[in-house]
Amino acid sequence: MLAAMTRTLIKGGTIVTAVDTYAADLAIEGDKIAAIFAPGSGPAGAFDVTIDATGKYVMPGGIDAHTHFDMPFGGTTASDDFETGTFAAA
């Protein structure tokens, strides 16, 4: 038997892509983006989980591939080490 796919709505956020930034609601089914709706226009009650992203940026798939763990700079050292930094990225 297959497990039911979770449907998530991220509402009220500002979506940031490689080419644009705009206010929208984002529907996710399982682990894939299923739809992008104008703010507040996603179908009510159609989602298992709703996340309020008001005042926040939504960056689908964004990972900073260039990081410096435990690297000294200007008399300080980055707060992340390899373990905490890779955990945060995941």
N, C-alpha and C. Protein backbone atom coordinates (compact mmCIF):
# COMPACT_ATOMS: atom_id res chain seq x y z
N MET A 1 0.83 -1.18 0.00
CA MET A 1 0.00 0.00 0.00
C MET A 1 0.88 1.25 0.00
N LEU A 2 0.58 2.19 -0.85
CA LEU A 2 1.34 3.44 -0.92
C LEU A 2 0.86 4.42 0.13
N ALA A 3 1.81 5.14 0.70
CA ALA A 3 1.46 6.17 1.68
C ALA A 3 0.85 7.36 0.95
N ALA A 4 -0.07 8.03 1.60
CA ALA A 4 -0.69 9.22 1.01
C ALA A 4 0.35 10.32 0.88
N MET A 5 0.28 11.06 -0.21
CA MET A 5 1.20 12.15 -0.46
C MET A 5 0.73 13.39 0.31
N THR A 6 1.63 13.99 1.07
CA THR A 6 1.30 15.19 1.82
C THR A 6 1.19 16.38 0.88
N ARG A 7 0.14 17.15 1.08
CA ARG A 7 -0.09 18.38 0.30
C ARG A 7 0.11 19.57 1.24
N THR A 8 1.05 20.44 0.88
CA THR A 8 1.41 21.58 1.73
C THR A 8 1.19 22.88 0.97
N LEU A 9 0.65 23.88 1.65
CA LEU A 9 0.50 25.22 1.09
C LEU A 9 1.38 26.16 1.89
N ILE A 10 2.27 26.86 1.21
CA ILE A 10 3.07 27.92 1.83
C ILE A 10 2.44 29.22 1.35
N LYS A 11 1.83 29.96 2.29
CA LYS A 11 1.06 31.13 1.88
C LYS A 11 1.67 32.42 2.41
N GLY A 12 1.44 33.49 1.66
CA GLY A 12 1.81 34.82 2.10
C GLY A 12 3.27 35.18 1.94
N GLY A 13 4.08 34.32 1.35
CA GLY A 13 5.50 34.60 1.23
C GLY A 13 5.87 35.33 -0.05
N THR A 14 7.12 35.66 -0.14
CA THR A 14 7.69 36.25 -1.35
C THR A 14 8.57 35.20 -1.99
N ILE A 15 8.17 34.71 -3.15
CA ILE A 15 8.93 33.68 -3.85
C ILE A 15 10.11 34.32 -4.56
N VAL A 16 11.27 33.70 -4.39
CA VAL A 16 12.49 34.18 -5.03
C VAL A 16 12.98 33.08 -5.96
N THR A 17 13.09 33.39 -7.26
CA THR A 17 13.63 32.44 -8.23
C THR A 17 14.92 33.01 -8.80
N ALA A 18 15.51 32.31 -9.75
CA ALA A 18 16.74 32.79 -10.38
C ALA A 18 16.52 34.06 -11.19
N VAL A 19 15.27 34.31 -11.58
CA VAL A 19 15.00 35.46 -12.46
C VAL A 19 13.96 36.44 -11.95
N ASP A 20 13.28 36.13 -10.82
CA ASP A 20 12.18 36.99 -10.40
C ASP A 20 11.93 36.88 -8.90
N THR A 21 11.25 37.88 -8.37
CA THR A 21 10.80 37.90 -6.99
C THR A 21 9.37 38.41 -6.98
N TYR A 22 8.45 37.65 -6.36
CA TYR A 22 7.05 38.07 -6.38
C TYR A 22 6.27 37.44 -5.23
N ALA A 23 5.20 38.11 -4.82
CA ALA A 23 4.32 37.58 -3.78
C ALA A 23 3.46 36.49 -4.39
N ALA A 24 3.37 35.34 -3.70
CA ALA A 24 2.54 34.23 -4.19
C ALA A 24 2.39 33.19 -3.11
N ASP A 25 1.45 32.28 -3.32
CA ASP A 25 1.28 31.09 -2.48
C ASP A 25 1.81 29.91 -3.28
N LEU A 26 2.44 28.97 -2.60
CA LEU A 26 3.11 27.85 -3.25
C LEU A 26 2.53 26.54 -2.76
N ALA A 27 2.06 25.70 -3.67
CA ALA A 27 1.52 24.38 -3.32
C ALA A 27 2.59 23.33 -3.59
N ILE A 28 2.75 22.43 -2.61
CA ILE A 28 3.72 21.35 -2.73
C ILE A 28 2.98 20.03 -2.53
N GLU A 29 3.21 19.09 -3.41
CA GLU A 29 2.66 17.74 -3.27
C GLU A 29 3.82 16.78 -3.14
N GLY A 30 3.90 16.11 -1.99
CA GLY A 30 5.05 15.25 -1.72
C GLY A 30 6.28 16.12 -1.58
N ASP A 31 7.23 15.97 -2.50
CA ASP A 31 8.44 16.78 -2.45
C ASP A 31 8.62 17.64 -3.70
N LYS A 32 7.53 17.90 -4.41
CA LYS A 32 7.61 18.68 -5.65
C LYS A 32 6.65 19.87 -5.62
N ILE A 33 7.07 20.96 -6.23
CA ILE A 33 6.19 22.13 -6.37
C ILE A 33 5.10 21.75 -7.36
N ALA A 34 3.84 21.88 -6.93
CA ALA A 34 2.71 21.48 -7.77
C ALA A 34 2.04 22.67 -8.44
N ALA A 35 2.02 23.82 -7.77
CA ALA A 35 1.34 25.00 -8.33
C ALA A 35 1.79 26.25 -7.61
N ILE A 36 1.67 27.36 -8.32
CA ILE A 36 1.90 28.68 -7.74
C ILE A 36 0.62 29.47 -7.96
N PHE A 37 0.09 30.04 -6.86
CA PHE A 37 -1.16 30.78 -6.91
C PHE A 37 -0.91 32.25 -6.59
N ALA A 38 -1.78 33.11 -7.12
CA ALA A 38 -1.77 34.50 -6.69
C ALA A 38 -2.01 34.51 -5.19
N PRO A 39 -1.47 35.49 -4.46
CA PRO A 39 -1.62 35.51 -3.00
C PRO A 39 -3.08 35.35 -2.57
N GLY A 40 -3.32 34.39 -1.68
CA GLY A 40 -4.64 34.17 -1.13
C GLY A 40 -5.62 33.44 -2.02
N SER A 41 -5.19 32.94 -3.18
CA SER A 41 -6.13 32.31 -4.10
C SER A 41 -6.03 30.78 -4.17
N GLY A 42 -5.19 30.18 -3.32
CA GLY A 42 -5.11 28.72 -3.29
C GLY A 42 -6.42 28.12 -2.79
N PRO A 43 -6.78 26.93 -3.26
CA PRO A 43 -8.06 26.33 -2.86
C PRO A 43 -8.12 26.03 -1.36
N ALA A 44 -9.10 26.58 -0.68
CA ALA A 44 -9.25 26.40 0.77
C ALA A 44 -9.53 24.94 1.11
N GLY A 45 -8.90 24.45 2.16
CA GLY A 45 -9.16 23.11 2.64
C GLY A 45 -8.57 21.99 1.82
N ALA A 46 -7.77 22.31 0.81
CA ALA A 46 -7.22 21.27 -0.07
C ALA A 46 -5.85 20.77 0.40
N PHE A 47 -5.36 21.27 1.54
CA PHE A 47 -4.00 20.95 1.96
C PHE A 47 -3.96 20.31 3.33
N ASP A 48 -2.99 19.42 3.52
CA ASP A 48 -2.79 18.76 4.82
C ASP A 48 -2.08 19.68 5.80
N VAL A 49 -1.18 20.50 5.26
CA VAL A 49 -0.37 21.40 6.08
C VAL A 49 -0.39 22.78 5.42
N THR A 50 -0.55 23.82 6.23
CA THR A 50 -0.46 25.20 5.73
C THR A 50 0.60 25.92 6.55
N ILE A 51 1.54 26.55 5.85
CA ILE A 51 2.62 27.29 6.49
C ILE A 51 2.43 28.76 6.16
N ASP A 52 2.39 29.61 7.18
CA ASP A 52 2.26 31.06 6.97
C ASP A 52 3.66 31.64 6.82
N ALA A 53 3.98 32.10 5.62
CA ALA A 53 5.30 32.66 5.33
C ALA A 53 5.24 34.18 5.18
N THR A 54 4.22 34.81 5.76
CA THR A 54 4.08 36.26 5.68
C THR A 54 5.35 36.94 6.17
N GLY A 55 5.88 37.86 5.33
CA GLY A 55 7.08 38.59 5.68
C GLY A 55 8.36 37.80 5.49
N LYS A 56 8.26 36.63 4.85
CA LYS A 56 9.45 35.79 4.66
C LYS A 56 9.67 35.49 3.18
N TYR A 57 10.90 35.15 2.85
CA TYR A 57 11.24 34.75 1.49
C TYR A 57 11.11 33.23 1.36
N VAL A 58 10.59 32.78 0.24
CA VAL A 58 10.48 31.36 -0.07
C VAL A 58 11.41 31.10 -1.25
N MET A 59 12.45 30.30 -1.02
CA MET A 59 13.44 30.03 -2.05
C MET A 59 13.46 28.54 -2.37
N PRO A 60 12.65 28.12 -3.31
CA PRO A 60 12.60 26.69 -3.64
C PRO A 60 13.95 26.15 -4.09
N GLY A 61 14.43 25.14 -3.38
CA GLY A 61 15.67 24.47 -3.77
C GLY A 61 16.93 25.27 -3.54
N GLY A 62 16.86 26.35 -2.80
CA GLY A 62 18.04 27.18 -2.61
C GLY A 62 19.03 26.59 -1.62
N ILE A 63 20.24 26.33 -2.07
CA ILE A 63 21.32 25.85 -1.20
C ILE A 63 22.57 26.65 -1.53
N ASP A 64 23.21 27.17 -0.51
CA ASP A 64 24.46 27.90 -0.71
C ASP A 64 25.58 26.88 -0.82
N ALA A 65 26.07 26.69 -2.03
CA ALA A 65 27.11 25.68 -2.27
C ALA A 65 28.50 26.16 -1.90
N HIS A 66 28.65 27.44 -1.63
CA HIS A 66 29.97 27.98 -1.29
C HIS A 66 29.93 28.46 0.16
N THR A 67 30.50 27.68 1.05
CA THR A 67 30.50 28.03 2.47
C THR A 67 31.90 27.88 3.05
N HIS A 68 32.09 28.44 4.23
CA HIS A 68 33.36 28.33 4.93
C HIS A 68 33.08 27.87 6.35
N PHE A 69 33.34 26.60 6.65
CA PHE A 69 33.15 26.06 7.99
C PHE A 69 34.45 26.19 8.77
N ASP A 70 34.34 26.60 10.03
CA ASP A 70 35.50 26.72 10.91
C ASP A 70 36.64 27.53 10.31
N MET A 71 36.31 28.49 9.48
CA MET A 71 37.35 29.25 8.82
C MET A 71 37.61 30.56 9.57
N PRO A 72 38.84 30.79 9.97
CA PRO A 72 39.14 32.06 10.64
C PRO A 72 39.13 33.22 9.64
N PHE A 73 38.59 34.35 10.09
CA PHE A 73 38.56 35.54 9.24
C PHE A 73 38.43 36.77 10.12
N GLY A 74 39.32 37.70 9.95
CA GLY A 74 39.24 38.98 10.66
C GLY A 74 39.23 38.84 12.18
N GLY A 75 39.94 37.87 12.71
CA GLY A 75 40.00 37.70 14.15
C GLY A 75 38.86 36.89 14.75
N THR A 76 37.97 36.37 13.90
CA THR A 76 36.88 35.52 14.38
C THR A 76 36.88 34.21 13.61
N THR A 77 36.03 33.30 14.01
CA THR A 77 35.88 32.02 13.30
C THR A 77 34.40 31.80 13.04
N ALA A 78 34.08 31.25 11.87
CA ALA A 78 32.68 30.96 11.54
C ALA A 78 32.07 30.08 12.63
N SER A 79 30.79 30.33 12.94
CA SER A 79 30.15 29.58 14.03
C SER A 79 29.84 28.14 13.66
N ASP A 80 29.68 27.84 12.37
CA ASP A 80 29.37 26.47 11.95
C ASP A 80 30.63 25.66 11.71
N ASP A 81 30.57 24.40 12.13
CA ASP A 81 31.60 23.44 11.75
C ASP A 81 30.98 22.53 10.69
N PHE A 82 31.71 21.51 10.24
CA PHE A 82 31.19 20.65 9.18
C PHE A 82 29.88 19.99 9.59
N GLU A 83 29.79 19.51 10.82
CA GLU A 83 28.57 18.80 11.26
C GLU A 83 27.36 19.74 11.31
N THR A 84 27.49 20.88 11.96
CA THR A 84 26.32 21.77 12.09
C THR A 84 25.97 22.42 10.76
N GLY A 85 26.97 22.71 9.96
CA GLY A 85 26.71 23.34 8.66
C GLY A 85 26.02 22.43 7.67
N THR A 86 26.43 21.17 7.62
CA THR A 86 25.77 20.24 6.69
C THR A 86 24.39 19.87 7.19
N PHE A 87 24.20 19.81 8.51
CA PHE A 87 22.87 19.55 9.08
C PHE A 87 21.92 20.70 8.72
N ALA A 88 22.40 21.93 8.83
CA ALA A 88 21.56 23.09 8.48
C ALA A 88 21.20 23.10 7.00
N ALA A 89 22.12 22.71 6.14
CA ALA A 89 21.85 22.68 4.70
C ALA A 89 20.81 21.62 4.35
N ALA A 90 20.87 20.51 5.07
CA ALA A 90 19.92 19.43 4.81
C ALA A 90 18.52 19.85 5.20
